[in-house]
Amino acid sequence: MKKLLPFLGLILFLFSCKKESNTNPETLPNSYSDQALGKSANDLLSDAKYTTLNIQVQYMPGYELDTATLTNFTTYISGLCSKPGGINITQTQIPADVNVFTVDSAAIVERQNRTAYTSGSTIAVYILVTDGFDTSLSTLGFAYRNTSICLFGQDISTNSGGLGQVSRVALETGVLEHEFGHILGLVNLGSAMQVFHQDTVHGNHCNNTHCLMYYAIDTHASLHGMLSTVPVLDSNCLADLRANGGK
């Protein structure tokens, strides 16, 4: 159950995400996982090709995702994706690397450590939780490639759990669910819009200020738009996912 979180909107908006397709030459041994962001949206949402979803989480020391975060995340995915064979999440530690702060550097770490790949009736997603941080933008994570996500564990930890801050579980949950929304094709990134709701100024985000996929354009907007709960996908985003094979 998600708790009341008065500061979640502020944190999510001040430290929003970026998303980029993979252009890194550090290719993966599994060609399916080397596609552009959003390309596997239908495969993740429907059970036409893949009936089971395996999620491999690899974290650097000190930044293991909380068990409650993974429970929230599983519930979120289960409500969107048709995977009758089940959703399995594993989490293991990998060596520290403070230099991971770009898509290219995340892709290199993924290439060196990822072992779960799409095969048979099982589709696999990779989530890297790094002790690095984005040196150019105040972002907490990004989605890249068709099945790859990177979270900045250090930034999430710094901006949560303290006095007057959102809980770490809440922030991890919000950022993780937002980034997974991008690999599901939101917004207009592989799951076609049923009605226009894209924030064209800020790329593939929703124009609804209360939606999980919203991107705030300035600090004042976030200060006056603090939310009391973890944001959820709005009706337009949900309609896009359903039209692309989701529940």
Protein backbone atom coordinates (compact mmCIF):
# COMPACT_ATOMS: atom_id res chain seq x y z
CA MET A 1 0.00 0.00 0.00
CA LYS A 2 1.43 3.41 -0.96
CA LYS A 3 1.53 5.91 1.92
CA LEU A 4 0.63 9.59 1.86
CA LEU A 5 3.66 11.43 0.53
CA PRO A 6 3.30 15.23 0.64
CA PHE A 7 6.73 15.91 -0.80
CA LEU A 8 6.82 13.33 -3.60
CA GLY A 9 5.57 15.69 -6.27
CA LEU A 10 8.24 18.24 -5.38
CA ILE A 11 11.07 15.72 -5.52
CA LEU A 12 9.91 14.03 -8.71
CA PHE A 13 9.51 17.35 -10.49
CA LEU A 14 12.77 18.89 -9.30
CA PHE A 15 14.67 15.77 -10.26
CA SER A 16 12.90 14.46 -13.33
CA CYS A 17 14.11 11.89 -15.82
CA LYS A 18 15.66 11.89 -19.22
CA LYS A 19 15.26 9.14 -21.77
CA GLU A 20 17.50 8.30 -24.66
CA SER A 21 17.73 5.60 -27.28
CA ASN A 22 20.93 3.62 -27.20
CA THR A 23 23.63 4.86 -29.55
CA ASN A 24 26.51 3.31 -27.65
CA PRO A 25 28.87 1.02 -29.57
CA GLU A 26 29.05 -1.26 -26.51
CA THR A 27 26.52 -3.69 -27.92
CA LEU A 28 24.92 -6.51 -25.96
CA PRO A 29 25.35 -10.20 -26.83
CA ASN A 30 21.57 -10.49 -27.23
CA SER A 31 20.45 -8.53 -30.29
CA TYR A 32 16.85 -8.27 -29.06
CA SER A 33 18.03 -6.07 -26.18
CA ASP A 34 19.92 -3.69 -28.47
CA GLN A 35 16.83 -1.99 -29.89
CA ALA A 36 15.68 1.60 -29.44
CA LEU A 37 13.66 2.76 -26.47
CA GLY A 38 9.96 1.88 -26.88
CA LYS A 39 10.50 -0.88 -29.46
CA SER A 40 9.45 -3.62 -27.05
CA ALA A 41 6.35 -1.89 -25.71
CA ASN A 42 3.90 -4.38 -27.23
CA ASP A 43 6.04 -7.37 -26.27
CA LEU A 44 6.07 -6.19 -22.66
CA LEU A 45 2.39 -5.31 -22.52
CA SER A 46 0.86 -8.29 -24.28
CA ASP A 47 1.27 -12.06 -24.02
CA ALA A 48 1.28 -12.63 -27.78
CA LYS A 49 5.03 -13.45 -27.87
CA TYR A 50 6.17 -13.46 -24.26
CA THR A 51 4.18 -14.83 -21.35
CA THR A 52 6.79 -14.36 -18.61
CA LEU A 53 8.72 -11.25 -17.55
CA ASN A 54 12.11 -11.50 -15.82
CA ILE A 55 13.52 -8.32 -14.31
CA GLN A 56 17.19 -8.25 -13.36
CA VAL A 57 18.12 -5.51 -10.89
CA GLN A 58 21.83 -4.90 -10.31
CA TYR A 59 22.85 -2.33 -7.72
CA MET A 60 26.13 -0.82 -6.61
CA PRO A 61 27.09 -1.06 -2.90
CA GLY A 62 24.75 0.86 -0.61
CA TYR A 63 21.95 1.30 -3.12
CA GLU A 64 19.93 -1.91 -3.05
CA LEU A 65 16.28 -1.26 -3.84
CA ASP A 66 14.01 -1.65 -0.83
CA THR A 67 11.84 -4.77 -0.70
CA ALA A 68 8.74 -2.54 -0.45
CA THR A 69 9.83 -0.74 -3.63
CA LEU A 70 10.00 -4.03 -5.51
CA THR A 71 6.60 -5.04 -4.14
CA ASN A 72 5.10 -1.74 -5.34
CA PHE A 73 6.80 -2.16 -8.70
CA THR A 74 5.51 -5.71 -9.16
CA THR A 75 1.97 -4.56 -8.40
CA TYR A 76 2.35 -1.71 -10.91
CA ILE A 77 3.57 -4.01 -13.68
CA SER A 78 0.94 -6.66 -12.94
CA GLY A 79 -1.79 -4.09 -13.47
CA LEU A 80 -0.47 -3.12 -16.89
CA CYS A 81 1.22 -6.12 -18.51
CA SER A 82 -0.35 -9.42 -19.47
CA LYS A 83 2.18 -11.99 -18.27
CA PRO A 84 0.32 -15.18 -17.24
CA GLY A 85 3.64 -16.98 -16.75
CA GLY A 86 4.56 -14.57 -13.98
CA ILE A 87 6.77 -11.58 -13.18
CA ASN A 88 10.09 -12.45 -11.56
CA ILE A 89 12.50 -9.95 -10.02
CA THR A 90 16.05 -10.74 -8.92
CA GLN A 91 18.44 -8.28 -7.27
CA THR A 92 22.22 -8.64 -6.95
CA GLN A 93 25.14 -6.39 -6.09
CA ILE A 94 27.84 -5.41 -8.59
CA PRO A 95 31.08 -3.45 -8.05
CA ALA A 96 30.97 0.30 -7.43
CA ASP A 97 31.59 2.67 -10.33
CA VAL A 98 31.06 6.38 -9.63
CA ASN A 99 31.69 7.19 -13.29
CA VAL A 100 28.26 5.93 -14.42
CA PHE A 101 26.29 9.08 -15.23
CA THR A 102 25.52 8.87 -18.95
CA VAL A 103 23.69 6.47 -21.24
CA ASP A 104 27.00 5.33 -22.71
CA SER A 105 28.59 4.60 -19.32
CA ALA A 106 25.46 2.80 -18.11
CA ALA A 107 25.47 0.72 -21.30
CA ILE A 108 29.06 -0.35 -20.67
CA VAL A 109 28.25 -1.50 -17.12
CA GLU A 110 25.21 -3.34 -18.45
CA ARG A 111 27.32 -5.09 -21.08
CA GLN A 112 29.80 -6.19 -18.42
CA ASN A 113 27.28 -7.45 -15.88
CA ARG A 114 23.87 -8.23 -17.39
CA THR A 115 23.03 -11.93 -17.62
CA ALA A 116 19.23 -11.97 -18.07
CA TYR A 117 18.12 -11.76 -21.68
CA THR A 118 14.97 -12.35 -23.71
CA SER A 119 14.63 -15.95 -24.82
CA GLY A 120 11.82 -18.36 -25.70
CA SER A 121 8.59 -17.16 -24.10
CA THR A 122 10.38 -14.96 -21.54
CA ILE A 123 11.16 -11.27 -22.02
CA ALA A 124 13.83 -9.71 -19.79
CA VAL A 125 14.32 -6.16 -18.48
CA TYR A 126 17.53 -4.82 -16.95
CA ILE A 127 17.61 -2.20 -14.17
CA LEU A 128 20.93 -0.69 -13.06
CA VAL A 129 21.08 1.22 -9.76
CA THR A 130 24.31 3.17 -9.77
CA ASP A 131 26.31 5.11 -7.19
CA GLY A 132 27.09 7.65 -9.92
CA PHE A 133 25.04 10.70 -10.79
CA ASP A 134 24.18 12.90 -13.73
CA THR A 135 26.70 15.72 -13.86
CA SER A 136 24.78 17.85 -16.35
CA LEU A 137 21.12 17.52 -15.31
CA SER A 138 19.35 17.00 -11.97
CA THR A 139 17.88 13.67 -12.98
CA LEU A 140 17.21 10.61 -10.86
CA GLY A 141 17.19 8.11 -13.70
CA PHE A 142 16.70 7.41 -17.37
CA ALA A 143 15.32 4.73 -19.65
CA TYR A 144 17.51 3.66 -22.55
CA ARG A 145 17.33 0.83 -25.06
CA ASN A 146 14.15 -1.20 -25.34
CA THR A 147 14.59 -3.09 -22.05
CA SER A 148 17.10 -1.03 -20.06
CA ILE A 149 16.73 1.44 -17.17
CA CYS A 150 19.29 3.24 -15.01
CA LEU A 151 18.55 4.81 -11.60
CA PHE A 152 20.91 7.14 -9.75
CA GLY A 153 20.86 5.51 -6.32
CA GLN A 154 23.06 8.17 -4.74
CA ASP A 155 20.74 11.01 -5.74
CA ILE A 156 17.65 9.07 -4.69
CA SER A 157 19.20 8.40 -1.28
CA THR A 158 20.31 12.03 -0.80
CA ASN A 159 16.87 13.40 -1.62
CA SER A 160 14.78 11.00 0.45
CA GLY A 161 14.39 9.61 3.94
CA GLY A 162 15.42 12.73 5.84
CA LEU A 163 13.51 15.32 7.81
CA GLY A 164 10.97 16.97 5.51
CA GLN A 165 11.83 14.58 2.68
CA VAL A 166 9.80 11.91 0.94
CA SER A 167 10.53 8.34 2.05
CA ARG A 168 13.16 6.44 0.11
CA VAL A 169 10.64 3.73 -0.83
CA ALA A 170 8.26 6.33 -2.23
CA LEU A 171 10.92 8.05 -4.31
CA GLU A 172 12.37 4.78 -5.61
CA THR A 173 8.87 3.62 -6.51
CA GLY A 174 7.92 6.82 -8.32
CA VAL A 175 11.14 7.06 -10.36
CA LEU A 176 11.19 3.36 -11.23
CA GLU A 177 7.55 3.28 -12.33
CA HIS A 178 8.04 6.44 -14.41
CA GLU A 179 11.05 5.00 -16.24
CA PHE A 180 9.27 1.70 -16.85
CA GLY A 181 6.45 3.73 -18.36
CA HIS A 182 8.90 4.92 -21.01
CA ILE A 183 9.95 1.41 -22.02
CA LEU A 184 6.23 0.62 -22.25
CA GLY A 185 6.11 3.29 -24.95
CA LEU A 186 4.89 6.35 -23.05
CA VAL A 187 4.31 8.99 -24.21
CA ASN A 188 4.10 8.53 -28.00
CA LEU A 189 7.24 6.41 -27.81
CA GLY A 190 5.99 3.07 -29.10
CA SER A 191 2.48 3.03 -27.65
CA ALA A 192 0.44 5.23 -29.98
CA MET A 193 -1.61 8.02 -28.42
CA GLN A 194 -5.34 7.40 -28.58
CA VAL A 195 -5.90 11.11 -28.04
CA PHE A 196 -3.19 13.75 -28.11
CA HIS A 197 -1.68 14.27 -24.64
CA GLN A 198 2.04 14.70 -25.24
CA ASP A 199 4.07 17.52 -23.71
CA THR A 200 5.88 18.31 -26.94
CA VAL A 201 8.13 20.86 -25.24
CA HIS A 202 9.60 18.18 -23.00
CA GLY A 203 9.63 15.15 -25.25
CA ASN A 204 7.82 11.94 -24.45
CA HIS A 205 5.92 13.05 -21.36
CA CYS A 206 2.25 13.52 -20.54
CA ASN A 207 0.73 17.01 -20.41
CA ASN A 208 -1.40 16.12 -17.36
CA THR A 209 0.26 17.64 -14.29
CA HIS A 210 -1.15 14.85 -12.08
CA CYS A 211 0.03 11.94 -14.22
CA LEU A 212 3.02 9.75 -13.39
CA MET A 213 4.43 10.55 -16.85
CA TYR A 214 4.26 14.36 -16.39
CA TYR A 215 7.34 16.54 -16.59
CA ALA A 216 7.20 19.86 -14.71
CA ILE A 217 8.70 22.80 -16.58
CA ASP A 218 9.84 24.88 -13.62
CA THR A 219 10.42 24.88 -9.86
CA HIS A 220 7.48 27.13 -9.04
CA ALA A 221 5.09 24.73 -10.75
CA SER A 222 6.38 21.90 -8.57
CA LEU A 223 6.17 23.93 -5.37
CA HIS A 224 2.51 24.68 -5.98
CA GLY A 225 1.69 21.20 -7.26
CA MET A 226 2.88 18.92 -4.46
CA LEU A 227 1.06 15.61 -4.44
CA SER A 228 -0.14 13.62 -1.43
CA THR A 229 0.35 10.20 -3.05
CA VAL A 230 2.68 8.48 -5.48
CA PRO A 231 1.47 9.63 -8.93
CA VAL A 232 -0.39 7.15 -11.10
CA LEU A 233 -0.89 6.93 -14.85
CA ASP A 234 -3.82 9.01 -16.05
CA SER A 235 -6.64 7.76 -18.26
CA ASN A 236 -4.91 8.81 -21.48
CA CYS A 237 -1.69 6.95 -20.70
CA LEU A 238 -3.65 3.89 -19.62
CA ALA A 239 -5.68 4.00 -22.85
CA ASP A 240 -2.45 4.07 -24.88
CA LEU A 241 -1.15 0.99 -23.08
CA ARG A 242 -4.40 -0.94 -23.44
CA ALA A 243 -4.51 -0.18 -27.15
CA ASN A 244 -1.01 -1.62 -27.45
CA GLY A 245 -1.84 -4.95 -25.83
CA GLY A 246 -1.86 -4.06 -22.13
CA LYS A 247 -4.53 -4.81 -19.55
